[in-house]
C-alpha atoms as a PDB file:
ATOM      1  CA  UNK A   1      65.007   1.599  -2.297  1.00  0.00           C
ATOM      2  CA  UNK A   2      66.258  -1.990  -2.168  1.00  0.00           C
ATOM      3  CA  UNK A   3      68.446  -3.810  -0.729  1.00  0.00           C
ATOM      4  CA  UNK A   4      68.602  -7.716  -1.683  1.00  0.00           C
ATOM      5  CA  UNK A   5      71.849  -9.395  -2.600  1.00  0.00           C
ATOM      6  CA  UNK A   6      71.441 -11.644  -5.577  1.00  0.00           C
ATOM      7  CA  UNK A   7      73.788 -14.082  -7.390  1.00  0.00           C
ATOM      8  CA  UNK A   8      75.376 -12.201 -10.309  1.00  0.00           C
ATOM      9  CA  UNK A   9      74.907 -13.271 -13.871  1.00  0.00           C
ATOM     10  CA  UNK A  10      76.073 -12.564 -17.457  1.00  0.00           C
ATOM     11  CA  UNK A  11      73.779  -9.460 -18.872  1.00  0.00           C
ATOM     12  CA  UNK A  12      71.529 -10.349 -21.483  1.00  0.00           C
ATOM     13  CA  UNK A  13      70.141  -7.151 -23.317  1.00  0.00           C
ATOM     14  CA  UNK A  14      66.310  -6.873 -22.848  1.00  0.00           C
ATOM     15  CA  UNK A  15      65.849  -5.333 -26.177  1.00  0.00           C
ATOM     16  CA  UNK A  16      67.458  -8.122 -28.163  1.00  0.00           C
ATOM     17  CA  UNK A  17      64.520  -8.885 -30.057  1.00  0.00           C
ATOM     18  CA  UNK A  18      63.653  -5.242 -31.037  1.00  0.00           C
ATOM     19  CA  UNK A  19      64.306  -4.066 -34.548  1.00  0.00           C
ATOM     20  CA  UNK A  20      66.153  -0.698 -34.566  1.00  0.00           C
ATOM     21  CA  UNK A  21      65.152   1.950 -36.794  1.00  0.00           C
ATOM     22  CA  UNK A  22      67.823   4.406 -38.184  1.00  0.00           C
ATOM     23  CA  UNK A  23      65.897   7.945 -38.024  1.00  0.00           C
ATOM     24  CA  UNK A  24      67.207  11.466 -38.188  1.00  0.00           C
ATOM     25  CA  UNK A  25      67.366  12.895 -34.701  1.00  0.00           C
ATOM     26  CA  UNK A  26      69.748  15.106 -32.683  1.00  0.00           C
ATOM     27  CA  UNK A  27      73.146  13.844 -31.360  1.00  0.00           C
ATOM     28  CA  UNK A  28      72.784  12.212 -28.187  1.00  0.00           C
ATOM     29  CA  UNK A  29      74.966  11.698 -25.182  1.00  0.00           C
ATOM     30  CA  UNK A  30      76.620   8.367 -24.359  1.00  0.00           C
ATOM     31  CA  UNK A  31      76.310   7.241 -20.898  1.00  0.00           C
ATOM     32  CA  UNK A  32      78.435   4.849 -18.710  1.00  0.00           C
ATOM     33  CA  UNK A  33      75.535   2.989 -17.012  1.00  0.00           C
ATOM     34  CA  UNK A  34      72.764   3.032 -19.657  1.00  0.00           C
ATOM     35  CA  UNK A  35      71.905   2.460 -23.305  1.00  0.00           C
ATOM     36  CA  UNK A  36      69.855   4.670 -25.263  1.00  0.00           C
ATOM     37  CA  UNK A  37      68.473   3.747 -28.557  1.00  0.00           C
ATOM     38  CA  UNK A  38      65.535   4.485 -31.011  1.00  0.00           C
ATOM     39  CA  UNK A  39      63.626   1.353 -31.599  1.00  0.00           C
ATOM     40  CA  UNK A  40      60.802   3.034 -33.654  1.00  0.00           C
ATOM     41  CA  UNK A  41      60.179   6.671 -34.684  1.00  0.00           C
ATOM     42  CA  UNK A  42      59.231   8.835 -31.787  1.00  0.00           C
ATOM     43  CA  UNK A  43      60.150   6.338 -29.294  1.00  0.00           C
ATOM     44  CA  UNK A  44      63.210   6.633 -27.036  1.00  0.00           C
ATOM     45  CA  UNK A  45      64.372   3.159 -25.403  1.00  0.00           C
ATOM     46  CA  UNK A  46      66.724   3.582 -22.223  1.00  0.00           C
ATOM     47  CA  UNK A  47      68.012   0.340 -20.912  1.00  0.00           C
ATOM     48  CA  UNK A  48      69.699   0.092 -17.696  1.00  0.00           C
ATOM     49  CA  UNK A  49      73.209  -1.290 -18.087  1.00  0.00           C
ATOM     50  CA  UNK A  50      75.301  -2.353 -14.990  1.00  0.00           C
ATOM     51  CA  UNK A  51      75.346  -6.082 -15.819  1.00  0.00           C
ATOM     52  CA  UNK A  52      77.699  -7.291 -13.002  1.00  0.00           C
ATOM     53  CA  UNK A  53      75.449  -5.699 -10.524  1.00  0.00           C
ATOM     54  CA  UNK A  54      71.937  -6.895 -11.801  1.00  0.00           C
ATOM     55  CA  UNK A  55      71.251  -3.379 -12.429  1.00  0.00           C
ATOM     56  CA  UNK A  56      71.601  -2.015  -8.970  1.00  0.00           C
ATOM     57  CA  UNK A  57      71.204   1.763  -8.591  1.00  0.00           C
ATOM     58  CA  UNK A  58      74.098   3.549  -7.279  1.00  0.00           C
ATOM     59  CA  UNK A  59      74.598   7.199  -7.298  1.00  0.00           C
ATOM     60  CA  UNK A  60      76.198   7.297 -10.963  1.00  0.00           C
ATOM     61  CA  UNK A  61      73.696   4.866 -12.241  1.00  0.00           C
ATOM     62  CA  UNK A  62      70.876   6.853 -11.282  1.00  0.00           C
ATOM     63  CA  UNK A  63      72.366  10.275 -12.480  1.00  0.00           C
ATOM     64  CA  UNK A  64      72.739   8.448 -15.916  1.00  0.00           C
ATOM     65  CA  UNK A  65      69.196   7.232 -15.786  1.00  0.00           C
ATOM     66  CA  UNK A  66      67.876  10.759 -14.865  1.00  0.00           C
ATOM     67  CA  UNK A  67      69.938  12.585 -17.521  1.00  0.00           C
ATOM     68  CA  UNK A  68      68.909  10.028 -20.105  1.00  0.00           C
ATOM     69  CA  UNK A  69      65.244  10.436 -19.347  1.00  0.00           C
ATOM     70  CA  UNK A  70      65.711  14.063 -19.201  1.00  0.00           C
ATOM     71  CA  UNK A  71      67.350  14.271 -22.741  1.00  0.00           C
ATOM     72  CA  UNK A  72      64.555  12.362 -24.121  1.00  0.00           C
ATOM     73  CA  UNK A  73      61.852  14.289 -22.490  1.00  0.00           C
ATOM     74  CA  UNK A  74      63.237  17.507 -23.998  1.00  0.00           C
ATOM     75  CA  UNK A  75      63.792  16.134 -27.453  1.00  0.00           C
ATOM     76  CA  UNK A  76      61.096  17.261 -29.768  1.00  0.00           C
ATOM     77  CA  UNK A  77      61.377  14.134 -31.968  1.00  0.00           C
ATOM     78  CA  UNK A  78      60.291  11.734 -29.055  1.00  0.00           C
ATOM     79  CA  UNK A  79      56.544  10.754 -28.294  1.00  0.00           C
ATOM     80  CA  UNK A  80      57.037   8.191 -25.652  1.00  0.00           C
ATOM     81  CA  UNK A  81      59.903   6.693 -23.636  1.00  0.00           C
ATOM     82  CA  UNK A  82      60.612   3.259 -22.507  1.00  0.00           C
ATOM     83  CA  UNK A  83      62.718   2.249 -19.422  1.00  0.00           C
ATOM     84  CA  UNK A  84      63.737  -1.443 -19.331  1.00  0.00           C
ATOM     85  CA  UNK A  85      66.540  -3.568 -18.029  1.00  0.00           C
ATOM     86  CA  UNK A  86      68.059  -7.023 -18.817  1.00  0.00           C
ATOM     87  CA  UNK A  87      66.298 -10.303 -18.772  1.00  0.00           C
ATOM     88  CA  UNK A  88      67.776 -11.221 -15.527  1.00  0.00           C
ATOM     89  CA  UNK A  89      66.658  -8.046 -13.703  1.00  0.00           C
ATOM     90  CA  UNK A  90      65.169  -4.548 -14.429  1.00  0.00           C
ATOM     91  CA  UNK A  91      66.930  -3.284 -11.296  1.00  0.00           C
ATOM     92  CA  UNK A  92      67.684  -5.642  -8.311  1.00  0.00           C
ATOM     93  CA  UNK A  93      67.542  -2.959  -6.125  1.00  0.00           C
ATOM     94  CA  UNK A  94      69.944  -0.188  -4.612  1.00  0.00           C
ATOM     95  CA  UNK A  95      73.496  -0.477  -4.127  1.00  0.00           C
ATOM     96  CA  UNK A  96      73.961  -1.596  -0.603  1.00  0.00           C
ATOM     97  CA  UNK A  97      77.598  -1.177  -0.433  1.00  0.00           C
ATOM     98  CA  UNK A  98      77.115   2.705  -1.283  1.00  0.00           C
ATOM     99  CA  UNK A  99      74.778   3.237   1.427  1.00  0.00           C
ATOM    100  CA  UNK A 100      75.385   1.032   4.195  1.00  0.00           C
ATOM    101  CA  UNK A 101      77.809   3.227   6.292  1.00  0.00           C
ATOM    102  CA  UNK A 102      75.708   6.522   5.807  1.00  0.00           C
ATOM    103  CA  UNK A 103      74.774   8.210   9.160  1.00  0.00           C
ATOM    104  CA  UNK A 104      71.366   9.936   9.715  1.00  0.00           C
ATOM    105  CA  UNK A 105      73.128  13.192   9.851  1.00  0.00           C
ATOM    106  CA  UNK A 106      74.630  12.393   6.282  1.00  0.00           C
ATOM    107  CA  UNK A 107      71.238  11.411   4.713  1.00  0.00           C
ATOM    108  CA  UNK A 108      69.250  14.027   6.428  1.00  0.00           C
ATOM    109  CA  UNK A 109      71.729  16.769   5.573  1.00  0.00           C
ATOM    110  CA  UNK A 110      72.331  15.925   1.922  1.00  0.00           C
ATOM    111  CA  UNK A 111      68.340  15.134   1.528  1.00  0.00           C
ATOM    112  CA  UNK A 112      69.068  11.445   0.295  1.00  0.00           C
ATOM    113  CA  UNK A 113      66.799  10.301  -2.469  1.00  0.00           C
ATOM    114  CA  UNK A 114      65.595  13.897  -3.058  1.00  0.00           C
ATOM    115  CA  UNK A 115      65.973  13.548  -6.828  1.00  0.00           C
ATOM    116  CA  UNK A 116      64.466  10.063  -7.085  1.00  0.00           C
ATOM    117  CA  UNK A 117      61.258  11.508  -8.454  1.00  0.00           C
ATOM    118  CA  UNK A 118      62.762  12.280 -11.878  1.00  0.00           C
ATOM    119  CA  UNK A 119      60.332  10.095 -13.842  1.00  0.00           C
ATOM    120  CA  UNK A 120      57.243  11.786 -12.300  1.00  0.00           C
ATOM    121  CA  UNK A 121      58.362  15.172 -13.477  1.00  0.00           C
ATOM    122  CA  UNK A 122      58.559  14.225 -17.085  1.00  0.00           C
ATOM    123  CA  UNK A 123      56.128  15.675 -19.449  1.00  0.00           C
ATOM    124  CA  UNK A 124      55.975  12.589 -21.921  1.00  0.00           C
ATOM    125  CA  UNK A 125      54.553   9.172 -21.238  1.00  0.00           C
ATOM    126  CA  UNK A 126      57.135   6.635 -19.775  1.00  0.00           C
ATOM    127  CA  UNK A 127      56.581   2.894 -20.070  1.00  0.00           C
ATOM    128  CA  UNK A 128      58.409   0.546 -17.721  1.00  0.00           C
ATOM    129  CA  UNK A 129      59.219  -2.801 -19.355  1.00  0.00           C
ATOM    130  CA  UNK A 130      60.104  -5.191 -16.402  1.00  0.00           C
ATOM    131  CA  UNK A 131      61.596  -8.746 -16.676  1.00  0.00           C
ATOM    132  CA  UNK A 132      63.363 -10.492 -13.881  1.00  0.00           C
ATOM    133  CA  UNK A 133      64.030  -8.666 -10.548  1.00  0.00           C
ATOM    134  CA  UNK A 134      62.405  -5.319  -9.745  1.00  0.00           C
ATOM    135  CA  UNK A 135      63.164  -5.031  -6.118  1.00  0.00           C
ATOM    136  CA  UNK A 136      63.149  -2.260  -3.732  1.00  0.00           C
ATOM    137  CA  UNK A 137      64.433   0.872  -5.402  1.00  0.00           C
ATOM    138  CA  UNK A 138      64.106  -1.149  -8.685  1.00  0.00           C
ATOM    139  CA  UNK A 139      60.552  -1.556  -8.134  1.00  0.00           C
ATOM    140  CA  UNK A 140      60.151   2.135  -6.754  1.00  0.00           C
ATOM    141  CA  UNK A 141      61.606   3.121 -10.213  1.00  0.00           C
ATOM    142  CA  UNK A 142      59.081   1.237 -12.161  1.00  0.00           C
ATOM    143  CA  UNK A 143      56.468   2.299 -10.197  1.00  0.00           C
ATOM    144  CA  UNK A 144      56.939   5.720 -11.388  1.00  0.00           C
ATOM    145  CA  UNK A 145      56.297   4.786 -14.950  1.00  0.00           C
ATOM    146  CA  UNK A 146      52.810   5.716 -16.484  1.00  0.00           C
ATOM    147  CA  UNK A 147      52.432   2.193 -17.737  1.00  0.00           C
ATOM    148  CA  UNK A 148      54.030  -0.803 -16.205  1.00  0.00           C
ATOM    149  CA  UNK A 149      54.393  -3.856 -18.441  1.00  0.00           C
ATOM    150  CA  UNK A 150      55.879  -7.017 -17.201  1.00  0.00           C
ATOM    151  CA  UNK A 151      57.598 -10.365 -18.441  1.00  0.00           C
ATOM    152  CA  UNK A 152      56.111 -13.835 -16.961  1.00  0.00           C
ATOM    153  CA  UNK A 153      59.791 -13.843 -15.313  1.00  0.00           C
ATOM    154  CA  UNK A 154      59.009 -10.568 -13.185  1.00  0.00           C
ATOM    155  CA  UNK A 155      59.673 -10.776  -9.557  1.00  0.00           C
ATOM    156  CA  UNK A 156      58.433  -7.699  -7.651  1.00  0.00           C
ATOM    157  CA  UNK A 157      58.933  -6.669  -4.116  1.00  0.00           C
ATOM    158  CA  UNK A 158      59.906  -4.241  -1.390  1.00  0.00           C
ATOM    159  CA  UNK A 159      62.268  -6.308   0.753  1.00  0.00           C
ATOM    160  CA  UNK A 160      63.961  -3.264   2.662  1.00  0.00           C
ATOM    161  CA  UNK A 161      62.509  -4.429   6.122  1.00  0.00           C
ATOM    162  CA  UNK A 162      65.074  -7.303   5.840  1.00  0.00           C
ATOM    163  CA  UNK A 163      67.705  -4.743   6.078  1.00  0.00           C
ATOM    164  CA  UNK A 164      66.482  -2.863   8.737  1.00  0.00           C
ATOM    165  CA  UNK A 165      64.889   0.063   6.872  1.00  0.00           C
ATOM    166  CA  UNK A 166      61.816   0.731   4.945  1.00  0.00           C
ATOM    167  CA  UNK A 167      61.372   1.788   1.276  1.00  0.00           C
ATOM    168  CA  UNK A 168      62.545   5.505   0.855  1.00  0.00           C
ATOM    169  CA  UNK A 169      61.951   6.167  -2.784  1.00  0.00           C
ATOM    170  CA  UNK A 170      58.012   6.150  -2.852  1.00  0.00           C
ATOM    171  CA  UNK A 171      57.372   2.531  -2.296  1.00  0.00           C
ATOM    172  CA  UNK A 172      55.154   2.872   0.743  1.00  0.00           C
ATOM    173  CA  UNK A 173      53.105   5.638  -0.775  1.00  0.00           C
ATOM    174  CA  UNK A 174      52.793   4.278  -4.380  1.00  0.00           C
ATOM    175  CA  UNK A 175      51.715   0.955  -3.660  1.00  0.00           C
ATOM    176  CA  UNK A 176      49.252   1.933  -1.112  1.00  0.00           C
ATOM    177  CA  UNK A 177      47.464   4.246  -3.517  1.00  0.00           C
ATOM    178  CA  UNK A 178      47.758   1.333  -6.364  1.00  0.00           C
ATOM    179  CA  UNK A 179      46.947  -1.654  -4.523  1.00  0.00           C
ATOM    180  CA  UNK A 180      45.557  -0.550  -1.177  1.00  0.00           C
ATOM    181  CA  UNK A 181      46.587  -0.625   2.444  1.00  0.00           C
ATOM    182  CA  UNK A 182      46.367  -4.238   3.324  1.00  0.00           C
ATOM    183  CA  UNK A 183      48.490  -5.345   0.297  1.00  0.00           C
ATOM    184  CA  UNK A 184      50.796  -2.633   0.718  1.00  0.00           C
ATOM    185  CA  UNK A 185      51.432  -3.610   4.390  1.00  0.00           C
ATOM    186  CA  UNK A 186      52.035  -7.112   3.495  1.00  0.00           C
ATOM    187  CA  UNK A 187      54.714  -6.482   0.916  1.00  0.00           C
ATOM    188  CA  UNK A 188      56.345  -3.676   2.965  1.00  0.00           C
ATOM    189  CA  UNK A 189      56.333  -5.365   6.484  1.00  0.00           C
ATOM    190  CA  UNK A 190      57.090  -8.956   5.157  1.00  0.00           C
ATOM    191  CA  UNK A 191      59.249  -8.098   2.402  1.00  0.00           C
ATOM    192  CA  UNK A 192      57.891 -10.857   0.294  1.00  0.00           C
ATOM    193  CA  UNK A 193      58.614 -10.961  -3.260  1.00  0.00           C
ATOM    194  CA  UNK A 194      55.618 -11.656  -5.570  1.00  0.00           C
ATOM    195  CA  UNK A 195      55.578 -13.140  -9.211  1.00  0.00           C
ATOM    196  CA  UNK A 196      54.280 -11.628 -12.186  1.00  0.00           C
ATOM    197  CA  UNK A 197      50.873 -13.175 -12.216  1.00  0.00           C
ATOM    198  CA  UNK A 198      50.158 -12.237  -8.619  1.00  0.00           C
ATOM    199  CA  UNK A 199      51.314  -8.669  -9.343  1.00  0.00           C
ATOM    200  CA  UNK A 200      49.029  -8.436 -12.329  1.00  0.00           C
ATOM    201  CA  UNK A 201      45.988  -9.760 -10.168  1.00  0.00           C
ATOM    202  CA  UNK A 202      46.711  -6.835  -7.737  1.00  0.00           C
ATOM    203  CA  UNK A 203      46.753  -4.318 -10.541  1.00  0.00           C
ATOM    204  CA  UNK A 204      50.264  -3.465 -10.457  1.00  0.00           C
ATOM    205  CA  UNK A 205      51.382  -4.772 -14.073  1.00  0.00           C
ATOM    206  CA  UNK A 206      49.977  -6.031 -17.122  1.00  0.00           C
ATOM    207  CA  UNK A 207      51.659  -9.229 -18.038  1.00  0.00           C
ATOM    208  CA  UNK A 208      52.878  -9.635 -21.728  1.00  0.00           C
ATOM    209  CA  UNK A 209      52.765 -13.532 -22.532  1.00  0.00           C
ATOM    210  CA  UNK A 210      53.668 -15.086 -25.777  1.00  0.00           C
ATOM    211  CA  UNK A 211      56.293 -12.531 -26.913  1.00  0.00           C
ATOM    212  CA  UNK A 212      58.875  -9.817 -25.792  1.00  0.00           C
ATOM    213  CA  UNK A 213      58.056  -7.273 -22.980  1.00  0.00           C
ATOM    214  CA  UNK A 214      60.109  -4.727 -24.681  1.00  0.00           C
ATOM    215  CA  UNK A 215      58.685  -5.546 -28.062  1.00  0.00           C
ATOM    216  CA  UNK A 216      55.276  -4.834 -26.657  1.00  0.00           C
ATOM    217  CA  UNK A 217      56.493  -1.760 -25.019  1.00  0.00           C
ATOM    218  CA  UNK A 218      57.885  -0.307 -28.126  1.00  0.00           C
ATOM    219  CA  UNK A 219      54.118  -1.139 -29.729  1.00  0.00           C
ATOM    220  CA  UNK A 220      52.516   0.714 -27.159  1.00  0.00           C
ATOM    221  CA  UNK A 221      54.813   3.667 -27.131  1.00  0.00           C
ATOM    222  CA  UNK A 222      54.725   3.925 -30.952  1.00  0.00           C
ATOM    223  CA  UNK A 223      50.893   3.950 -30.537  1.00  0.00           C
ATOM    224  CA  UNK A 224      51.225   6.803 -28.064  1.00  0.00           C
ATOM    225  CA  UNK A 225      54.074   8.659 -30.299  1.00  0.00           C
ATOM    226  CA  UNK A 226      51.562   8.565 -33.308  1.00  0.00           C
ATOM    227  CA  UNK A 227      49.212  10.886 -31.445  1.00  0.00           C
ATOM    228  CA  UNK A 228      49.137  14.604 -31.075  1.00  0.00           C
ATOM    229  CA  UNK A 229      51.758  15.452 -28.417  1.00  0.00           C
ATOM    230  CA  UNK A 230      49.755  18.047 -26.582  1.00  0.00           C
ATOM    231  CA  UNK A 231      46.875  15.825 -26.113  1.00  0.00           C
ATOM    232  CA  UNK A 232      48.858  12.854 -24.900  1.00  0.00           C
ATOM    233  CA  UNK A 233      50.686  15.184 -22.629  1.00  0.00           C
ATOM    234  CA  UNK A 234      47.475  16.732 -21.213  1.00  0.00           C
ATOM    235  CA  UNK A 235      45.982  13.260 -20.883  1.00  0.00           C
ATOM    236  CA  UNK A 236      48.939  12.296 -18.689  1.00  0.00           C
ATOM    237  CA  UNK A 237      48.535  15.345 -16.552  1.00  0.00           C
ATOM    238  CA  UNK A 238      44.965  14.780 -16.183  1.00  0.00           C
ATOM    239  CA  UNK A 239      45.363  11.343 -14.911  1.00  0.00           C
ATOM    240  CA  UNK A 240      48.231  12.259 -12.548  1.00  0.00           C
ATOM    241  CA  UNK A 241      45.883  14.824 -11.237  1.00  0.00           C
ATOM    242  CA  UNK A 242      43.632  12.098  -9.832  1.00  0.00           C
ATOM    243  CA  UNK A 243      46.175  10.950  -7.489  1.00  0.00           C
ATOM    244  CA  UNK A 244      46.674  14.466  -5.895  1.00  0.00           C
ATOM    245  CA  UNK A 245      43.109  16.013  -6.007  1.00  0.00           C
ATOM    246  CA  UNK A 246      39.844  15.367  -4.642  1.00  0.00           C
ATOM    247  CA  UNK A 247      37.129  13.854  -7.226  1.00  0.00           C
ATOM    248  CA  UNK A 248      35.379  17.474  -7.467  1.00  0.00           C
ATOM    249  CA  UNK A 249      38.759  19.100  -7.903  1.00  0.00           C
ATOM    250  CA  UNK A 250      39.990  16.760 -10.416  1.00  0.00           C
ATOM    251  CA  UNK A 251      36.835  16.862 -12.516  1.00  0.00           C
ATOM    252  CA  UNK A 252      37.281  20.754 -12.683  1.00  0.00           C
ATOM    253  CA  UNK A 253      40.888  20.379 -13.611  1.00  0.00           C
ATOM    254  CA  UNK A 254      39.897  17.735 -16.198  1.00  0.00           C
ATOM    255  CA  UNK A 255      37.300  20.084 -17.941  1.00  0.00           C
ATOM    256  CA  UNK A 256      39.724  23.117 -18.027  1.00  0.00           C
ATOM    257  CA  UNK A 257      42.251  21.047 -19.940  1.00  0.00           C
ATOM    258  CA  UNK A 258      39.562  19.522 -22.233  1.00  0.00           C
ATOM    259  CA  UNK A 259      38.717  23.309 -23.005  1.00  0.00           C
ATOM    260  CA  UNK A 260      42.237  24.655 -23.504  1.00  0.00           C
ATOM    261  CA  UNK A 261      42.953  21.777 -26.001  1.00  0.00           C
ATOM    262  CA  UNK A 262      40.213  23.595 -28.154  1.00  0.00           C
ATOM    263  CA  UNK A 263      42.951  26.364 -28.661  1.00  0.00           C
ATOM    264  CA  UNK A 264      45.321  23.980 -30.485  1.00  0.00           C
ATOM    265  CA  UNK A 265      45.714  23.302 -34.246  1.00  0.00           C
ATOM    266  CA  UNK A 266      45.844  19.594 -33.276  1.00  0.00           C
ATOM    267  CA  UNK A 267      42.280  19.802 -32.120  1.00  0.00           C
ATOM    268  CA  UNK A 268      41.103  21.502 -35.430  1.00  0.00           C
ATOM    269  CA  UNK A 269      42.990  18.844 -37.237  1.00  0.00           C
ATOM    270  CA  UNK A 270      41.855  15.835 -35.411  1.00  0.00           C
ATOM    271  CA  UNK A 271      38.255  16.743 -35.586  1.00  0.00           C
ATOM    272  CA  UNK A 272      38.451  17.776 -39.241  1.00  0.00           C
ATOM    273  CA  UNK A 273      39.942  14.612 -40.170  1.00  0.00           C
ATOM    274  CA  UNK A 274      37.631  12.539 -38.288  1.00  0.00           C
ATOM    275  CA  UNK A 275      34.665  14.387 -39.896  1.00  0.00           C
ATOM    276  CA  UNK A 276      36.287  14.039 -43.303  1.00  0.00           C
ATOM    277  CA  UNK A 277      37.108  10.309 -42.995  1.00  0.00           C
ATOM    278  CA  UNK A 278      40.861  10.844 -43.308  1.00  0.00           C
ATOM    279  CA  UNK A 279      43.920  10.361 -41.340  1.00  0.00           C
ATOM    280  CA  UNK A 280      44.988  13.204 -38.983  1.00  0.00           C
ATOM    281  CA  UNK A 281      48.199  14.973 -39.679  1.00  0.00           C
ATOM    282  CA  UNK A 282      49.627  16.325 -36.304  1.00  0.00           C
ATOM    283  CA  UNK A 283      51.594  19.245 -36.125  1.00  0.00           C
ATOM    284  CA  UNK A 284      51.981  19.116 -32.257  1.00  0.00           C
ATOM    285  CA  UNK A 285      50.709  22.767 -32.186  1.00  0.00           C
END
């Protein structure tokens, strides 16, 4: 979670350069703290929208994020999901005012942050498109995504130590897996904020240069959404298993998923299309 006070600024929608398509899809809910749109067929774009607080994450905001992402995950017309913020801030952290007076008993009894792992429970691929600040809880939210793209303006960090706490939404664990013990220790113990270039060298993000990070996220998401959904979901499941299993267990799991896909219509269609030199027509079945 995060905990850095930053000057407030006028909100600029991160997806302002994206062309929005009018597609037929089920009626969606409207949310107070997020904007939901469809910039391309098969792609759901969820934009954090607490402009006066630089998208700081309070309980109501996070509930909207969770509900919007679950709705997109359950929508059969969606093949990939993008999560973004504004050009100024993806999410500047958690809302300090909301948590500063909590006691240990309150946090422990309510299992505070127990629902933080919402993105990791989604079946469909999630792309985080980060501009500006992604600090503390904001970075922890982005780190849950399957693909993390960043604008050159991105500033990433886990500055919780400056507030007398540590990351509580997965920051210590995901960073250690992603960039190793020494670099994770440096970020967590010093609270240092790093820029996009350094984050890319460390393997946290891919920096998008010469264009909009949201446009690039839409391009990647559209490519993913154009594939057979069952194979995409299986690929995500297999890669995630690499972080939970030994190599031997992971290889067995991968092989079983590979074998299982031979029972799908998409496998028959995909291989037939390749042999016949034509474009596959996926039925996601």
